[in-house]
Amino acid sequence: MIDYLTETRIWLLPSPRIGLLQGKSILIVDGESEYQSRVDVSYDQPTNSESGSCTVSALQAFEDDAFWVTPLPDTMPPPSQTHYKKQFFSQAAVDLIRDNIEESHGELLLVIPQE
């Protein structure tokens, strides 16, 4: 089974196509779930044999409603808390990224094959 997205950093060879992904919104469809993310391309130079490579990741923001234990009169509830989940694309995932024709849920589209 191919890992398309992982929390482990994956180093890829840079290309003009990868460079064009930077900062774009993407809709990721994985089976029954779908979520929006922002693509980040990083050219950080590792100190090992992967020097000259890049990573492509998706940063997904999600909010948890804060739990209000004892509401007091004339007080505001606590704000929701924003958390981020960062996942790295494999080369197989990058190869599947397409322009999103609808563009209502992101500039790009990645549909992860269900095997």
C-alpha atoms as a PDB file:
ATOM      1  CA  MET A   1       0.000   0.000   0.000  1.00  0.00           C
ATOM      2  CA  ILE A   2       1.304   3.436  -0.938  1.00  0.00           C
ATOM      3  CA  ASP A   3       1.545   6.144   1.715  1.00  0.00           C
ATOM      4  CA  TYR A   4       0.313   9.309   0.038  1.00  0.00           C
ATOM      5  CA  LEU A   5       0.314  11.514   3.147  1.00  0.00           C
ATOM      6  CA  THR A   6       2.370  10.993   6.260  1.00  0.00           C
ATOM      7  CA  GLU A   7       3.486  12.917   9.328  1.00  0.00           C
ATOM      8  CA  THR A   8       7.074  11.903   8.535  1.00  0.00           C
ATOM      9  CA  ARG A   9       9.083  14.350   6.422  1.00  0.00           C
ATOM     10  CA  ILE A  10       9.576  13.076   2.852  1.00  0.00           C
ATOM     11  CA  TRP A  11      12.329  14.620   0.732  1.00  0.00           C
ATOM     12  CA  LEU A  12      11.554  15.053  -2.970  1.00  0.00           C
ATOM     13  CA  LEU A  13      13.504  16.337  -5.951  1.00  0.00           C
ATOM     14  CA  PRO A  14      12.509  19.938  -6.695  1.00  0.00           C
ATOM     15  CA  SER A  15      10.792  20.681  -9.996  1.00  0.00           C
ATOM     16  CA  PRO A  16       9.057  23.679 -11.562  1.00  0.00           C
ATOM     17  CA  ARG A  17       5.698  21.933 -11.039  1.00  0.00           C
ATOM     18  CA  ILE A  18       6.366  21.469  -7.323  1.00  0.00           C
ATOM     19  CA  GLY A  19       7.369  25.120  -7.027  1.00  0.00           C
ATOM     20  CA  LEU A  20       4.004  26.191  -8.472  1.00  0.00           C
ATOM     21  CA  LEU A  21       2.145  24.384  -5.648  1.00  0.00           C
ATOM     22  CA  GLN A  22       3.468  26.776  -2.979  1.00  0.00           C
ATOM     23  CA  GLY A  23       0.736  28.583  -1.046  1.00  0.00           C
ATOM     24  CA  LYS A  24      -2.200  27.183  -2.996  1.00  0.00           C
ATOM     25  CA  SER A  25      -5.326  25.863  -1.332  1.00  0.00           C
ATOM     26  CA  ILE A  26      -6.038  22.171  -1.849  1.00  0.00           C
ATOM     27  CA  LEU A  27      -9.032  19.922  -1.312  1.00  0.00           C
ATOM     28  CA  ILE A  28      -7.904  16.476  -0.179  1.00  0.00           C
ATOM     29  CA  VAL A  29     -10.399  13.644  -0.634  1.00  0.00           C
ATOM     30  CA  ASP A  30      -9.575  10.447   1.240  1.00  0.00           C
ATOM     31  CA  GLY A  31     -12.401   7.934   1.007  1.00  0.00           C
ATOM     32  CA  GLU A  32     -15.470   9.402   2.698  1.00  0.00           C
ATOM     33  CA  SER A  33     -13.597  12.312   4.278  1.00  0.00           C
ATOM     34  CA  GLU A  34     -12.476  15.510   2.640  1.00  0.00           C
ATOM     35  CA  TYR A  35     -10.718  18.537   4.024  1.00  0.00           C
ATOM     36  CA  GLN A  36      -9.098  21.723   2.871  1.00  0.00           C
ATOM     37  CA  SER A  37      -5.458  22.572   3.437  1.00  0.00           C
ATOM     38  CA  ARG A  38      -2.775  24.962   2.288  1.00  0.00           C
ATOM     39  CA  VAL A  39       0.264  23.601   0.409  1.00  0.00           C
ATOM     40  CA  ASP A  40       3.719  24.494   1.660  1.00  0.00           C
ATOM     41  CA  VAL A  41       6.908  23.771  -0.273  1.00  0.00           C
ATOM     42  CA  SER A  42      10.073  23.956   1.812  1.00  0.00           C
ATOM     43  CA  TYR A  43      13.580  23.964   0.398  1.00  0.00           C
ATOM     44  CA  ASP A  44      15.341  23.517   3.724  1.00  0.00           C
ATOM     45  CA  GLN A  45      18.674  21.842   3.189  1.00  0.00           C
ATOM     46  CA  PRO A  46      19.070  18.691   5.265  1.00  0.00           C
ATOM     47  CA  THR A  47      22.536  17.856   6.516  1.00  0.00           C
ATOM     48  CA  ASN A  48      22.572  14.377   4.992  1.00  0.00           C
ATOM     49  CA  SER A  49      22.631  12.872   1.513  1.00  0.00           C
ATOM     50  CA  GLU A  50      19.230  14.404   0.687  1.00  0.00           C
ATOM     51  CA  SER A  51      20.793  17.851   0.249  1.00  0.00           C
ATOM     52  CA  GLY A  52      19.144  19.869  -2.521  1.00  0.00           C
ATOM     53  CA  SER A  53      15.740  18.303  -1.954  1.00  0.00           C
ATOM     54  CA  CYS A  54      12.436  19.803  -0.879  1.00  0.00           C
ATOM     55  CA  THR A  55       9.347  18.814   1.062  1.00  0.00           C
ATOM     56  CA  VAL A  56       5.729  19.355   0.068  1.00  0.00           C
ATOM     57  CA  SER A  57       3.252  19.449   2.918  1.00  0.00           C
ATOM     58  CA  ALA A  58      -0.359  20.248   3.665  1.00  0.00           C
ATOM     59  CA  LEU A  59      -1.195  22.338   6.692  1.00  0.00           C
ATOM     60  CA  GLN A  60      -4.742  21.778   7.864  1.00  0.00           C
ATOM     61  CA  ALA A  61      -6.278  24.020  10.510  1.00  0.00           C
ATOM     62  CA  PHE A  62      -9.128  22.793  12.669  1.00  0.00           C
ATOM     63  CA  GLU A  63     -10.854  24.176  15.721  1.00  0.00           C
ATOM     64  CA  ASP A  64     -11.974  22.542  18.925  1.00  0.00           C
ATOM     65  CA  ASP A  65     -14.736  24.207  20.844  1.00  0.00           C
ATOM     66  CA  ALA A  66     -13.448  25.246  24.228  1.00  0.00           C
ATOM     67  CA  PHE A  67     -15.213  23.683  27.199  1.00  0.00           C
ATOM     68  CA  TRP A  68     -16.782  26.181  29.547  1.00  0.00           C
ATOM     69  CA  VAL A  69     -16.958  24.624  32.991  1.00  0.00           C
ATOM     70  CA  THR A  70     -18.802  27.225  35.048  1.00  0.00           C
ATOM     71  CA  PRO A  71     -20.297  30.107  33.103  1.00  0.00           C
ATOM     72  CA  LEU A  72     -20.536  33.250  35.184  1.00  0.00           C
ATOM     73  CA  PRO A  73     -22.955  36.125  34.613  1.00  0.00           C
ATOM     74  CA  ASP A  74     -21.699  38.795  32.236  1.00  0.00           C
ATOM     75  CA  THR A  75     -18.694  36.747  31.093  1.00  0.00           C
ATOM     76  CA  MET A  76     -17.828  35.614  27.627  1.00  0.00           C
ATOM     77  CA  PRO A  77     -17.188  31.950  26.854  1.00  0.00           C
ATOM     78  CA  PRO A  78     -13.586  31.075  26.008  1.00  0.00           C
ATOM     79  CA  PRO A  79     -12.684  31.173  22.316  1.00  0.00           C
ATOM     80  CA  SER A  80     -12.284  27.995  20.366  1.00  0.00           C
ATOM     81  CA  GLN A  81      -8.766  26.714  20.064  1.00  0.00           C
ATOM     82  CA  THR A  82      -7.117  26.347  16.673  1.00  0.00           C
ATOM     83  CA  HIS A  83      -4.885  23.336  16.076  1.00  0.00           C
ATOM     84  CA  TYR A  84      -2.827  22.449  13.019  1.00  0.00           C
ATOM     85  CA  LYS A  85      -2.053  19.134  11.426  1.00  0.00           C
ATOM     86  CA  LYS A  86       0.876  18.953   9.028  1.00  0.00           C
ATOM     87  CA  GLN A  87       1.172  16.077   6.594  1.00  0.00           C
ATOM     88  CA  PHE A  88       3.876  15.517   4.016  1.00  0.00           C
ATOM     89  CA  PHE A  89       3.118  14.429   0.451  1.00  0.00           C
ATOM     90  CA  SER A  90       4.902  11.482  -1.128  1.00  0.00           C
ATOM     91  CA  GLN A  91       5.943  11.761  -4.772  1.00  0.00           C
ATOM     92  CA  ALA A  92       2.943   9.539  -5.624  1.00  0.00           C
ATOM     93  CA  ALA A  93       0.629  12.076  -3.975  1.00  0.00           C
ATOM     94  CA  VAL A  94       2.272  15.034  -5.753  1.00  0.00           C
ATOM     95  CA  ASP A  95       1.776  13.219  -9.064  1.00  0.00           C
ATOM     96  CA  LEU A  96      -1.985  12.942  -8.350  1.00  0.00           C
ATOM     97  CA  ILE A  97      -2.525  16.655  -7.614  1.00  0.00           C
ATOM     98  CA  ARG A  98      -4.690  18.336 -10.249  1.00  0.00           C
ATOM     99  CA  ASP A  99      -6.294  21.727 -10.753  1.00  0.00           C
ATOM    100  CA  ASN A 100      -9.677  21.813  -9.039  1.00  0.00           C
ATOM    101  CA  ILE A 101     -12.184  22.578 -11.777  1.00  0.00           C
ATOM    102  CA  GLU A 102     -14.852  23.735  -9.307  1.00  0.00           C
ATOM    103  CA  GLU A 103     -12.388  25.874  -7.310  1.00  0.00           C
ATOM    104  CA  SER A 104     -15.076  26.401  -4.675  1.00  0.00           C
ATOM    105  CA  HIS A 105     -13.192  24.203  -2.214  1.00  0.00           C
ATOM    106  CA  GLY A 106      -9.605  24.866  -3.232  1.00  0.00           C
ATOM    107  CA  GLU A 107      -7.434  25.703  -6.195  1.00  0.00           C
ATOM    108  CA  LEU A 108      -6.029  22.170  -6.289  1.00  0.00           C
ATOM    109  CA  LEU A 109      -7.522  18.706  -5.827  1.00  0.00           C
ATOM    110  CA  LEU A 110      -5.980  15.487  -4.522  1.00  0.00           C
ATOM    111  CA  VAL A 111      -8.116  12.358  -4.569  1.00  0.00           C
ATOM    112  CA  ILE A 112      -6.325   9.567  -2.737  1.00  0.00           C
ATOM    113  CA  PRO A 113      -7.009   6.195  -4.387  1.00  0.00           C
ATOM    114  CA  GLN A 114      -8.744   3.647  -2.197  1.00  0.00           C
ATOM    115  CA  GLU A 115      -6.947   0.322  -2.545  1.00  0.00           C
END
